[in-house]
Amino acid sequence: MSYKKYRYLGSSIFTLVLGGCSNLELLSPKGTIGEHEKSLILLSMGIMLCVVIPVVGLSMFFAWRYRASNRNATYAPTWAHSTGVEVVVWSIPIVVISFLGWTIWRTTHELDPYKPLVAGRPAVEVDVVALNWKWLFIYPEYGVATVNTLSIPVDRPINFHLTSDSMMNSFFIPQLGSQVYAMAGMETQLHLMGTVPGTYMGRSTAFSGPGFSGMQFPTHVLTDDQFAAWLQTAHASSATLDGDAYLGLRKDSEDNPEALYGHVAPHLFGDITTQYDCRMQNSLRRVGDVTRCDVHAAVMENQ
């Protein structure tokens, strides 16, 4: 094979290996949690490289130093023990593991997805529902909702409450940080904050069937004026997300377009979260008992 063919083959392999590195979202954070996670990734990588680089370098050095043609190298076939080598071999891993363990313990508590963010501005509540195969975002404070698009104000904590209407999914906005699972019949939480206006892609990271690839959504981090204007546009929408509309929305569908609802039925997220509990309770409760499930059924049937 000629030199040009070798060069072409090497370039092709190099391109394939680095093909997925053109947009390192985790290393380009645009939120407070993302910044902390980037620092943790780089710190952990640096500590591990402190071990990997010397090991690789010494392996190459020993291969060169003790090659068969080097008659000046010490030949000690009966060598069996060195206190200095033992100290290095055991002490360095102990120090590295101890430091990483302490760092992980500390950051696990600091970056707990259930821990509210402390900021000088009020938080925005967003209810998230994973559907097949789309994302529903409800803004209970403002009475609006969106499908497959998320708009949040900059420099304000966002309190996400997540559930799923069917199978388990994973909610992740890489440049804002963290991911958390959304599970049917349960509510999980996530607290994020965007610090740089812009649009950042969110996605599902848990395979959930044939429409999984379409479970992506743009996250628009807006200035206060932009967010206020977006709310006006949302309230102007004539679409209403009530029980009937939700039953239509929850049907399986792929590559759903973005949608905006100007009105949302009260307590819809709570009804979605508890719907499976209601089915169980309806099969077990005594005749004549009135529970939240009766309210849930009435809302879902009459709205």
C-alpha atoms as a PDB file:
ATOM      1  CA  MET A   1       0.000   0.000   0.000  1.00  0.00           C
ATOM      2  CA  SER A   2       1.394   3.416  -0.977  1.00  0.00           C
ATOM      3  CA  TYR A   3       2.052   6.305   1.381  1.00  0.00           C
ATOM      4  CA  LYS A   4      -0.995   8.201   0.044  1.00  0.00           C
ATOM      5  CA  LYS A   5      -3.245   5.234   0.748  1.00  0.00           C
ATOM      6  CA  TYR A   6      -1.884   4.958   4.297  1.00  0.00           C
ATOM      7  CA  ARG A   7      -2.482   8.669   4.806  1.00  0.00           C
ATOM      8  CA  TYR A   8      -6.014   8.421   3.438  1.00  0.00           C
ATOM      9  CA  LEU A   9      -6.780   5.441   5.688  1.00  0.00           C
ATOM     10  CA  GLY A  10      -5.396   7.237   8.729  1.00  0.00           C
ATOM     11  CA  SER A  11      -7.426  10.365   7.974  1.00  0.00           C
ATOM     12  CA  SER A  12     -10.605   8.320   7.562  1.00  0.00           C
ATOM     13  CA  ILE A  13     -10.120   6.523  10.887  1.00  0.00           C
ATOM     14  CA  PHE A  14      -9.314   9.802  12.650  1.00  0.00           C
ATOM     15  CA  THR A  15     -12.467  11.392  11.214  1.00  0.00           C
ATOM     16  CA  LEU A  16     -14.659   8.492  12.307  1.00  0.00           C
ATOM     17  CA  VAL A  17     -13.217   8.462  15.824  1.00  0.00           C
ATOM     18  CA  LEU A  18     -13.723  12.200  16.335  1.00  0.00           C
ATOM     19  CA  GLY A  19     -16.932  12.457  14.342  1.00  0.00           C
ATOM     20  CA  GLY A  20     -19.069  12.758  17.473  1.00  0.00           C
ATOM     21  CA  CYS A  21     -16.879  15.390  19.114  1.00  0.00           C
ATOM     22  CA  SER A  22     -17.867  18.373  16.976  1.00  0.00           C
ATOM     23  CA  ASN A  23     -20.309  19.663  19.583  1.00  0.00           C
ATOM     24  CA  LEU A  24     -19.242  18.869  23.121  1.00  0.00           C
ATOM     25  CA  GLU A  25     -22.353  20.182  24.862  1.00  0.00           C
ATOM     26  CA  LEU A  26     -21.307  19.005  28.321  1.00  0.00           C
ATOM     27  CA  LEU A  27     -18.149  21.107  28.053  1.00  0.00           C
ATOM     28  CA  SER A  28     -20.067  24.181  26.886  1.00  0.00           C
ATOM     29  CA  PRO A  29     -22.500  24.756  29.778  1.00  0.00           C
ATOM     30  CA  LYS A  30     -24.974  27.634  29.837  1.00  0.00           C
ATOM     31  CA  GLY A  31     -26.344  27.155  33.351  1.00  0.00           C
ATOM     32  CA  THR A  32     -25.206  27.020  36.964  1.00  0.00           C
ATOM     33  CA  ILE A  33     -25.601  23.244  37.345  1.00  0.00           C
ATOM     34  CA  GLY A  34     -23.900  22.659  34.001  1.00  0.00           C
ATOM     35  CA  GLU A  35     -20.930  24.785  35.102  1.00  0.00           C
ATOM     36  CA  HIS A  36     -20.494  22.745  38.269  1.00  0.00           C
ATOM     37  CA  GLU A  37     -20.756  19.483  36.351  1.00  0.00           C
ATOM     38  CA  LYS A  38     -18.179  20.652  33.800  1.00  0.00           C
ATOM     39  CA  SER A  39     -15.753  21.468  36.628  1.00  0.00           C
ATOM     40  CA  LEU A  40     -16.363  18.038  38.148  1.00  0.00           C
ATOM     41  CA  ILE A  41     -15.766  16.272  34.813  1.00  0.00           C
ATOM     42  CA  LEU A  42     -12.519  18.164  34.169  1.00  0.00           C
ATOM     43  CA  LEU A  43     -11.303  17.670  37.741  1.00  0.00           C
ATOM     44  CA  SER A  44     -11.978  13.925  37.645  1.00  0.00           C
ATOM     45  CA  MET A  45     -10.363  13.633  34.226  1.00  0.00           C
ATOM     46  CA  GLY A  46      -7.280  15.550  35.419  1.00  0.00           C
ATOM     47  CA  ILE A  47      -6.875  13.357  38.508  1.00  0.00           C
ATOM     48  CA  MET A  48      -7.176  10.180  36.458  1.00  0.00           C
ATOM     49  CA  LEU A  49      -4.706  11.475  33.876  1.00  0.00           C
ATOM     50  CA  CYS A  50      -2.218  12.004  36.712  1.00  0.00           C
ATOM     51  CA  VAL A  51      -2.172   8.205  36.922  1.00  0.00           C
ATOM     52  CA  VAL A  52      -2.661   7.271  33.274  1.00  0.00           C
ATOM     53  CA  ILE A  53       0.025   9.524  31.781  1.00  0.00           C
ATOM     54  CA  PRO A  54       2.883   8.358  34.086  1.00  0.00           C
ATOM     55  CA  VAL A  55       1.869   4.706  33.623  1.00  0.00           C
ATOM     56  CA  VAL A  56       1.835   4.993  29.825  1.00  0.00           C
ATOM     57  CA  GLY A  57       5.073   6.969  29.844  1.00  0.00           C
ATOM     58  CA  LEU A  58       6.859   4.525  32.156  1.00  0.00           C
ATOM     59  CA  SER A  59       5.626   1.563  30.111  1.00  0.00           C
ATOM     60  CA  MET A  60       7.211   3.042  27.010  1.00  0.00           C
ATOM     61  CA  PHE A  61      10.364   3.977  28.948  1.00  0.00           C
ATOM     62  CA  PHE A  62      10.801   0.482  30.412  1.00  0.00           C
ATOM     63  CA  ALA A  63      10.288  -1.117  26.992  1.00  0.00           C
ATOM     64  CA  TRP A  64      12.999   1.136  25.572  1.00  0.00           C
ATOM     65  CA  ARG A  65      15.344   1.010  28.592  1.00  0.00           C
ATOM     66  CA  TYR A  66      15.320  -2.756  29.000  1.00  0.00           C
ATOM     67  CA  ARG A  67      15.287  -3.756  25.340  1.00  0.00           C
ATOM     68  CA  ALA A  68      17.440  -6.736  24.382  1.00  0.00           C
ATOM     69  CA  SER A  69      19.995  -4.613  22.573  1.00  0.00           C
ATOM     70  CA  ASN A  70      20.719  -2.362  25.593  1.00  0.00           C
ATOM     71  CA  ARG A  71      23.651  -4.055  27.315  1.00  0.00           C
ATOM     72  CA  ASN A  72      23.957  -1.234  29.895  1.00  0.00           C
ATOM     73  CA  ALA A  73      20.608  -1.972  31.545  1.00  0.00           C
ATOM     74  CA  THR A  74      20.737  -3.760  34.882  1.00  0.00           C
ATOM     75  CA  TYR A  75      19.888  -7.426  34.555  1.00  0.00           C
ATOM     76  CA  ALA A  76      18.369  -8.743  37.824  1.00  0.00           C
ATOM     77  CA  PRO A  77      16.428 -11.961  37.170  1.00  0.00           C
ATOM     78  CA  THR A  78      16.153 -12.749  40.902  1.00  0.00           C
ATOM     79  CA  TRP A  79      14.689  -9.348  41.847  1.00  0.00           C
ATOM     80  CA  ALA A  80      11.563  -9.844  43.936  1.00  0.00           C
ATOM     81  CA  HIS A  81      10.854  -6.865  46.236  1.00  0.00           C
ATOM     82  CA  SER A  82      11.291  -3.117  46.529  1.00  0.00           C
ATOM     83  CA  THR A  83       9.832  -1.134  49.414  1.00  0.00           C
ATOM     84  CA  GLY A  84       9.935   2.066  47.379  1.00  0.00           C
ATOM     85  CA  VAL A  85       7.999   0.504  44.498  1.00  0.00           C
ATOM     86  CA  GLU A  86       5.419  -0.939  46.901  1.00  0.00           C
ATOM     87  CA  VAL A  87       4.899   2.463  48.533  1.00  0.00           C
ATOM     88  CA  VAL A  88       4.348   4.127  45.160  1.00  0.00           C
ATOM     89  CA  VAL A  89       2.111   1.344  43.805  1.00  0.00           C
ATOM     90  CA  TRP A  90      -0.198   1.444  46.833  1.00  0.00           C
ATOM     91  CA  SER A  91      -0.081   5.035  48.070  1.00  0.00           C
ATOM     92  CA  ILE A  92      -0.922   6.794  44.794  1.00  0.00           C
ATOM     93  CA  PRO A  93      -4.125   4.771  44.121  1.00  0.00           C
ATOM     94  CA  ILE A  94      -5.199   5.229  47.750  1.00  0.00           C
ATOM     95  CA  VAL A  95      -4.740   9.004  47.526  1.00  0.00           C
ATOM     96  CA  VAL A  96      -6.526   9.213  44.153  1.00  0.00           C
ATOM     97  CA  ILE A  97      -9.475   7.044  45.228  1.00  0.00           C
ATOM     98  CA  SER A  98      -9.808   8.889  48.543  1.00  0.00           C
ATOM     99  CA  PHE A  99      -9.827  12.282  46.841  1.00  0.00           C
ATOM    100  CA  LEU A 100     -12.311  11.206  44.176  1.00  0.00           C
ATOM    101  CA  GLY A 101     -14.539   9.593  46.824  1.00  0.00           C
ATOM    102  CA  TRP A 102     -14.592  12.772  48.904  1.00  0.00           C
ATOM    103  CA  THR A 103     -15.249  14.904  45.816  1.00  0.00           C
ATOM    104  CA  ILE A 104     -18.105  12.672  44.664  1.00  0.00           C
ATOM    105  CA  TRP A 105     -19.671  12.632  48.138  1.00  0.00           C
ATOM    106  CA  ARG A 106     -19.528  16.431  48.378  1.00  0.00           C
ATOM    107  CA  THR A 107     -20.789  17.159  44.862  1.00  0.00           C
ATOM    108  CA  THR A 108     -23.528  14.518  45.121  1.00  0.00           C
ATOM    109  CA  HIS A 109     -25.107  16.602  47.865  1.00  0.00           C
ATOM    110  CA  GLU A 110     -24.355  19.948  46.214  1.00  0.00           C
ATOM    111  CA  LEU A 111     -25.785  18.871  42.837  1.00  0.00           C
ATOM    112  CA  ASP A 112     -28.724  16.872  44.179  1.00  0.00           C
ATOM    113  CA  PRO A 113     -31.449  17.301  41.503  1.00  0.00           C
ATOM    114  CA  TYR A 114     -34.052  17.621  44.280  1.00  0.00           C
ATOM    115  CA  LYS A 115     -32.178  20.507  45.931  1.00  0.00           C
ATOM    116  CA  PRO A 116     -33.761  23.887  45.079  1.00  0.00           C
ATOM    117  CA  LEU A 117     -31.431  26.512  43.678  1.00  0.00           C
ATOM    118  CA  VAL A 118     -30.822  29.599  45.779  1.00  0.00           C
ATOM    119  CA  ALA A 119     -31.134  32.811  43.795  1.00  0.00           C
ATOM    120  CA  GLY A 120     -32.294  36.341  44.339  1.00  0.00           C
ATOM    121  CA  ARG A 121     -35.249  35.927  41.978  1.00  0.00           C
ATOM    122  CA  PRO A 122     -38.429  33.818  42.248  1.00  0.00           C
ATOM    123  CA  ALA A 123     -38.431  30.379  40.665  1.00  0.00           C
ATOM    124  CA  VAL A 124     -40.622  29.283  37.768  1.00  0.00           C
ATOM    125  CA  GLU A 125     -42.598  26.054  38.148  1.00  0.00           C
ATOM    126  CA  VAL A 126     -42.733  23.747  35.128  1.00  0.00           C
ATOM    127  CA  ASP A 127     -44.567  20.416  35.069  1.00  0.00           C
ATOM    128  CA  VAL A 128     -43.139  17.917  32.577  1.00  0.00           C
ATOM    129  CA  VAL A 129     -44.961  14.888  31.184  1.00  0.00           C
ATOM    130  CA  ALA A 130     -43.187  12.289  29.028  1.00  0.00           C
ATOM    131  CA  LEU A 131     -45.550  10.912  26.395  1.00  0.00           C
ATOM    132  CA  ASN A 132     -45.110   8.506  23.491  1.00  0.00           C
ATOM    133  CA  TRP A 133     -43.152  10.160  21.828  1.00  0.00           C
ATOM    134  CA  LYS A 134     -43.196  13.788  22.809  1.00  0.00           C
ATOM    135  CA  TRP A 135     -42.720  16.099  25.773  1.00  0.00           C
ATOM    136  CA  LEU A 136     -45.525  18.100  27.387  1.00  0.00           C
ATOM    137  CA  PHE A 137     -44.585  21.191  29.436  1.00  0.00           C
ATOM    138  CA  ILE A 138     -47.180  22.793  31.702  1.00  0.00           C
ATOM    139  CA  TYR A 139     -46.681  26.181  33.374  1.00  0.00           C
ATOM    140  CA  PRO A 140     -49.140  26.012  36.298  1.00  0.00           C
ATOM    141  CA  GLU A 141     -48.441  29.586  37.443  1.00  0.00           C
ATOM    142  CA  TYR A 142     -49.335  30.991  34.030  1.00  0.00           C
ATOM    143  CA  GLY A 143     -51.965  28.502  32.877  1.00  0.00           C
ATOM    144  CA  VAL A 144     -50.261  27.697  29.567  1.00  0.00           C
ATOM    145  CA  ALA A 145     -48.600  24.596  28.105  1.00  0.00           C
ATOM    146  CA  THR A 146     -46.367  23.592  25.209  1.00  0.00           C
ATOM    147  CA  VAL A 147     -45.435  20.430  23.347  1.00  0.00           C
ATOM    148  CA  ASN A 148     -41.851  19.722  22.273  1.00  0.00           C
ATOM    149  CA  THR A 149     -40.616  23.236  23.074  1.00  0.00           C
ATOM    150  CA  LEU A 150     -39.587  24.819  26.358  1.00  0.00           C
ATOM    151  CA  SER A 151     -39.192  28.529  27.132  1.00  0.00           C
ATOM    152  CA  ILE A 152     -37.673  29.731  30.413  1.00  0.00           C
ATOM    153  CA  PRO A 153     -36.434  33.104  31.707  1.00  0.00           C
ATOM    154  CA  VAL A 154     -32.710  33.679  32.160  1.00  0.00           C
ATOM    155  CA  ASP A 155     -31.180  33.821  35.654  1.00  0.00           C
ATOM    156  CA  ARG A 156     -34.286  32.434  37.342  1.00  0.00           C
ATOM    157  CA  PRO A 157     -34.400  28.973  38.964  1.00  0.00           C
ATOM    158  CA  ILE A 158     -36.647  26.499  37.160  1.00  0.00           C
ATOM    159  CA  ASN A 159     -38.370  23.922  39.370  1.00  0.00           C
ATOM    160  CA  PHE A 160     -39.228  20.938  37.178  1.00  0.00           C
ATOM    161  CA  HIS A 161     -41.769  18.346  38.333  1.00  0.00           C
ATOM    162  CA  LEU A 162     -41.670  15.298  36.084  1.00  0.00           C
ATOM    163  CA  THR A 163     -43.813  12.259  35.441  1.00  0.00           C
ATOM    164  CA  SER A 164     -44.589   9.899  32.571  1.00  0.00           C
ATOM    165  CA  ASP A 165     -47.880   8.808  31.091  1.00  0.00           C
ATOM    166  CA  SER A 166     -46.474   5.460  29.972  1.00  0.00           C
ATOM    167  CA  MET A 167     -42.959   4.008  29.942  1.00  0.00           C
ATOM    168  CA  MET A 168     -39.984   5.457  31.793  1.00  0.00           C
ATOM    169  CA  ASN A 169     -38.082   8.254  30.078  1.00  0.00           C
ATOM    170  CA  SER A 170     -35.039  10.380  30.845  1.00  0.00           C
ATOM    171  CA  PHE A 171     -35.183  14.195  30.729  1.00  0.00           C
ATOM    172  CA  PHE A 172     -31.886  15.872  29.850  1.00  0.00           C
ATOM    173  CA  ILE A 173     -30.778  19.341  28.726  1.00  0.00           C
ATOM    174  CA  PRO A 174     -26.985  18.827  28.484  1.00  0.00           C
ATOM    175  CA  GLN A 175     -25.930  22.486  28.460  1.00  0.00           C
ATOM    176  CA  LEU A 176     -28.064  23.320  31.486  1.00  0.00           C
ATOM    177  CA  GLY A 177     -26.965  20.221  33.403  1.00  0.00           C
ATOM    178  CA  SER A 178     -28.169  17.000  35.016  1.00  0.00           C
ATOM    179  CA  GLN A 179     -30.741  14.493  33.915  1.00  0.00           C
ATOM    180  CA  VAL A 180     -33.549  12.808  35.780  1.00  0.00           C
ATOM    181  CA  TYR A 181     -35.974  10.005  35.017  1.00  0.00           C
ATOM    182  CA  ALA A 182     -39.698  10.486  34.472  1.00  0.00           C
ATOM    183  CA  MET A 183     -41.735   7.485  35.615  1.00  0.00           C
ATOM    184  CA  ALA A 184     -45.435   6.686  35.424  1.00  0.00           C
ATOM    185  CA  GLY A 185     -47.314   7.082  38.684  1.00  0.00           C
ATOM    186  CA  MET A 186     -44.400   8.941  40.276  1.00  0.00           C
ATOM    187  CA  GLU A 187     -43.156  12.516  40.452  1.00  0.00           C
ATOM    188  CA  THR A 188     -39.473  13.337  40.234  1.00  0.00           C
ATOM    189  CA  GLN A 189     -37.853  16.754  40.487  1.00  0.00           C
ATOM    190  CA  LEU A 190     -35.063  18.681  38.841  1.00  0.00           C
ATOM    191  CA  HIS A 191     -33.807  22.212  39.485  1.00  0.00           C
ATOM    192  CA  LEU A 192     -31.923  24.091  36.775  1.00  0.00           C
ATOM    193  CA  MET A 193     -31.148  27.681  35.820  1.00  0.00           C
ATOM    194  CA  GLY A 194     -30.032  29.120  32.486  1.00  0.00           C
ATOM    195  CA  THR A 195     -27.495  31.913  32.737  1.00  0.00           C
ATOM    196  CA  VAL A 196     -26.932  32.742  29.050  1.00  0.00           C
ATOM    197  CA  PRO A 197     -29.810  33.583  26.669  1.00  0.00           C
ATOM    198  CA  GLY A 198     -29.960  31.230  23.736  1.00  0.00           C
ATOM    199  CA  THR A 199     -31.454  27.982  22.457  1.00  0.00           C
ATOM    200  CA  TYR A 200     -30.186  24.653  23.800  1.00  0.00           C
ATOM    201  CA  MET A 201     -31.420  21.233  22.776  1.00  0.00           C
ATOM    202  CA  GLY A 202     -33.057  18.897  25.254  1.00  0.00           C
ATOM    203  CA  ARG A 203     -33.706  15.233  24.668  1.00  0.00           C
ATOM    204  CA  SER A 204     -34.632  11.876  26.091  1.00  0.00           C
ATOM    205  CA  THR A 205     -31.673   9.649  26.915  1.00  0.00           C
ATOM    206  CA  ALA A 206     -33.649   6.470  27.640  1.00  0.00           C
ATOM    207  CA  PHE A 207     -34.721   4.404  24.633  1.00  0.00           C
ATOM    208  CA  SER A 208     -38.507   4.211  24.656  1.00  0.00           C
ATOM    209  CA  GLY A 209     -39.561   2.752  21.336  1.00  0.00           C
ATOM    210  CA  PRO A 210     -39.802   3.623  17.632  1.00  0.00           C
ATOM    211  CA  GLY A 211     -40.415   7.357  18.195  1.00  0.00           C
ATOM    212  CA  PHE A 212     -37.482   7.805  20.573  1.00  0.00           C
ATOM    213  CA  SER A 213     -35.378   9.758  18.074  1.00  0.00           C
ATOM    214  CA  GLY A 214     -38.075  12.437  17.844  1.00  0.00           C
ATOM    215  CA  MET A 215     -38.154  13.142  21.573  1.00  0.00           C
ATOM    216  CA  GLN A 216     -36.033  16.269  21.232  1.00  0.00           C
ATOM    217  CA  PHE A 217     -37.030  19.805  22.131  1.00  0.00           C
ATOM    218  CA  PRO A 218     -35.419  23.248  21.923  1.00  0.00           C
ATOM    219  CA  THR A 219     -34.994  25.024  25.239  1.00  0.00           C
ATOM    220  CA  HIS A 220     -35.225  28.778  24.766  1.00  0.00           C
ATOM    221  CA  VAL A 221     -33.543  30.743  27.558  1.00  0.00           C
ATOM    222  CA  LEU A 222     -35.107  34.196  27.225  1.00  0.00           C
ATOM    223  CA  THR A 223     -34.530  37.620  28.703  1.00  0.00           C
ATOM    224  CA  ASP A 224     -37.265  38.975  30.986  1.00  0.00           C
ATOM    225  CA  ASP A 225     -38.783  41.038  28.171  1.00  0.00           C
ATOM    226  CA  GLN A 226     -38.655  38.110  25.761  1.00  0.00           C
ATOM    227  CA  PHE A 227     -40.251  35.782  28.310  1.00  0.00           C
ATOM    228  CA  ALA A 228     -43.031  38.295  29.017  1.00  0.00           C
ATOM    229  CA  ALA A 229     -43.673  38.615  25.281  1.00  0.00           C
ATOM    230  CA  TRP A 230     -43.711  34.821  24.934  1.00  0.00           C
ATOM    231  CA  LEU A 231     -46.305  34.572  27.725  1.00  0.00           C
ATOM    232  CA  GLN A 232     -48.500  37.082  25.934  1.00  0.00           C
ATOM    233  CA  THR A 233     -48.267  35.016  22.764  1.00  0.00           C
ATOM    234  CA  ALA A 234     -49.074  31.854  24.722  1.00  0.00           C
ATOM    235  CA  HIS A 235     -52.119  33.389  26.403  1.00  0.00           C
ATOM    236  CA  ALA A 236     -53.342  34.589  23.019  1.00  0.00           C
ATOM    237  CA  SER A 237     -53.514  31.005  21.748  1.00  0.00           C
ATOM    238  CA  SER A 238     -57.060  29.688  21.462  1.00  0.00           C
ATOM    239  CA  ALA A 239     -56.017  26.061  22.034  1.00  0.00           C
ATOM    240  CA  THR A 240     -57.120  24.576  25.352  1.00  0.00           C
ATOM    241  CA  LEU A 241     -55.514  21.582  27.040  1.00  0.00           C
ATOM    242  CA  ASP A 242     -58.434  19.992  28.847  1.00  0.00           C
ATOM    243  CA  GLY A 243     -59.274  16.360  29.466  1.00  0.00           C
ATOM    244  CA  ASP A 244     -60.421  15.618  25.926  1.00  0.00           C
ATOM    245  CA  ALA A 245     -57.452  17.411  24.365  1.00  0.00           C
ATOM    246  CA  TYR A 246     -55.071  15.540  26.612  1.00  0.00           C
ATOM    247  CA  LEU A 247     -56.601  12.168  25.737  1.00  0.00           C
ATOM    248  CA  GLY A 248     -55.946  12.993  22.089  1.00  0.00           C
ATOM    249  CA  LEU A 249     -52.417  14.216  22.825  1.00  0.00           C
ATOM    250  CA  ARG A 250     -51.439  11.118  24.776  1.00  0.00           C
ATOM    251  CA  LYS A 251     -51.979   8.819  21.787  1.00  0.00           C
ATOM    252  CA  ASP A 252     -48.783   7.366  20.347  1.00  0.00           C
ATOM    253  CA  SER A 253     -47.321   9.586  17.633  1.00  0.00           C
ATOM    254  CA  GLU A 254     -43.874  10.269  16.207  1.00  0.00           C
ATOM    255  CA  ASP A 255     -42.032  13.466  15.280  1.00  0.00           C
ATOM    256  CA  ASN A 256     -44.687  15.709  16.756  1.00  0.00           C
ATOM    257  CA  PRO A 257     -44.582  19.398  15.789  1.00  0.00           C
ATOM    258  CA  GLU A 258     -44.346  22.086  18.438  1.00  0.00           C
ATOM    259  CA  ALA A 259     -47.666  23.176  19.931  1.00  0.00           C
ATOM    260  CA  LEU A 260     -48.869  25.932  22.254  1.00  0.00           C
ATOM    261  CA  TYR A 261     -51.915  25.905  24.550  1.00  0.00           C
ATOM    262  CA  GLY A 262     -53.297  29.166  25.912  1.00  0.00           C
ATOM    263  CA  HIS A 263     -55.410  27.474  28.578  1.00  0.00           C
ATOM    264  CA  VAL A 264     -54.773  24.387  30.741  1.00  0.00           C
ATOM    265  CA  ALA A 265     -57.212  22.473  32.932  1.00  0.00           C
ATOM    266  CA  PRO A 266     -56.400  22.937  36.649  1.00  0.00           C
ATOM    267  CA  HIS A 267     -54.598  20.085  38.400  1.00  0.00           C
ATOM    268  CA  LEU A 268     -53.986  18.280  35.110  1.00  0.00           C
ATOM    269  CA  PHE A 269     -50.456  17.286  36.087  1.00  0.00           C
ATOM    270  CA  GLY A 270     -51.661  15.857  39.407  1.00  0.00           C
ATOM    271  CA  ASP A 271     -54.368  13.886  37.640  1.00  0.00           C
ATOM    272  CA  ILE A 272     -51.815  12.466  35.203  1.00  0.00           C
ATOM    273  CA  THR A 273     -49.456  11.497  38.001  1.00  0.00           C
ATOM    274  CA  THR A 274     -52.120   9.784  40.124  1.00  0.00           C
ATOM    275  CA  GLN A 275     -54.128   8.144  37.353  1.00  0.00           C
ATOM    276  CA  TYR A 276     -52.635   4.700  38.002  1.00  0.00           C
ATOM    277  CA  ASP A 277     -53.219   5.008  41.742  1.00  0.00           C
ATOM    278  CA  CYS A 278     -56.817   5.903  40.972  1.00  0.00           C
ATOM    279  CA  ARG A 279     -57.303   2.761  38.922  1.00  0.00           C
ATOM    280  CA  MET A 280     -56.024   0.679  41.816  1.00  0.00           C
ATOM    281  CA  GLN A 281     -58.140   2.534  44.352  1.00  0.00           C
ATOM    282  CA  ASN A 282     -61.255   2.240  42.214  1.00  0.00           C
ATOM    283  CA  SER A 283     -60.851  -1.536  42.262  1.00  0.00           C
ATOM    284  CA  LEU A 284     -60.364  -1.698  46.032  1.00  0.00           C
ATOM    285  CA  ARG A 285     -62.353   1.119  47.656  1.00  0.00           C
ATOM    286  CA  ARG A 286     -65.725   0.534  49.314  1.00  0.00           C
ATOM    287  CA  VAL A 287     -68.878   1.516  47.485  1.00  0.00           C
ATOM    288  CA  GLY A 288     -69.998   4.988  48.510  1.00  0.00           C
ATOM    289  CA  ASP A 289     -66.501   6.323  49.302  1.00  0.00           C
ATOM    290  CA  VAL A 290     -65.665   9.593  47.595  1.00  0.00           C
ATOM    291  CA  THR A 291     -61.971  10.094  46.902  1.00  0.00           C
ATOM    292  CA  ARG A 292     -59.736  12.228  44.719  1.00  0.00           C
ATOM    293  CA  CYS A 293     -60.098   9.502  42.112  1.00  0.00           C
ATOM    294  CA  ASP A 294     -63.761  10.423  41.676  1.00  0.00           C
ATOM    295  CA  VAL A 295     -62.726  14.000  41.008  1.00  0.00           C
ATOM    296  CA  HIS A 296     -60.046  12.771  38.635  1.00  0.00           C
ATOM    297  CA  ALA A 297     -62.548  10.659  36.692  1.00  0.00           C
ATOM    298  CA  ALA A 298     -65.017  13.534  36.474  1.00  0.00           C
ATOM    299  CA  VAL A 299     -62.380  15.929  35.193  1.00  0.00           C
ATOM    300  CA  MET A 300     -61.070  13.487  32.596  1.00  0.00           C
ATOM    301  CA  GLU A 301     -64.589  12.596  31.401  1.00  0.00           C
ATOM    302  CA  ASN A 302     -66.326  15.973  31.397  1.00  0.00           C
ATOM    303  CA  GLN A 303     -63.641  18.411  30.304  1.00  0.00           C
END
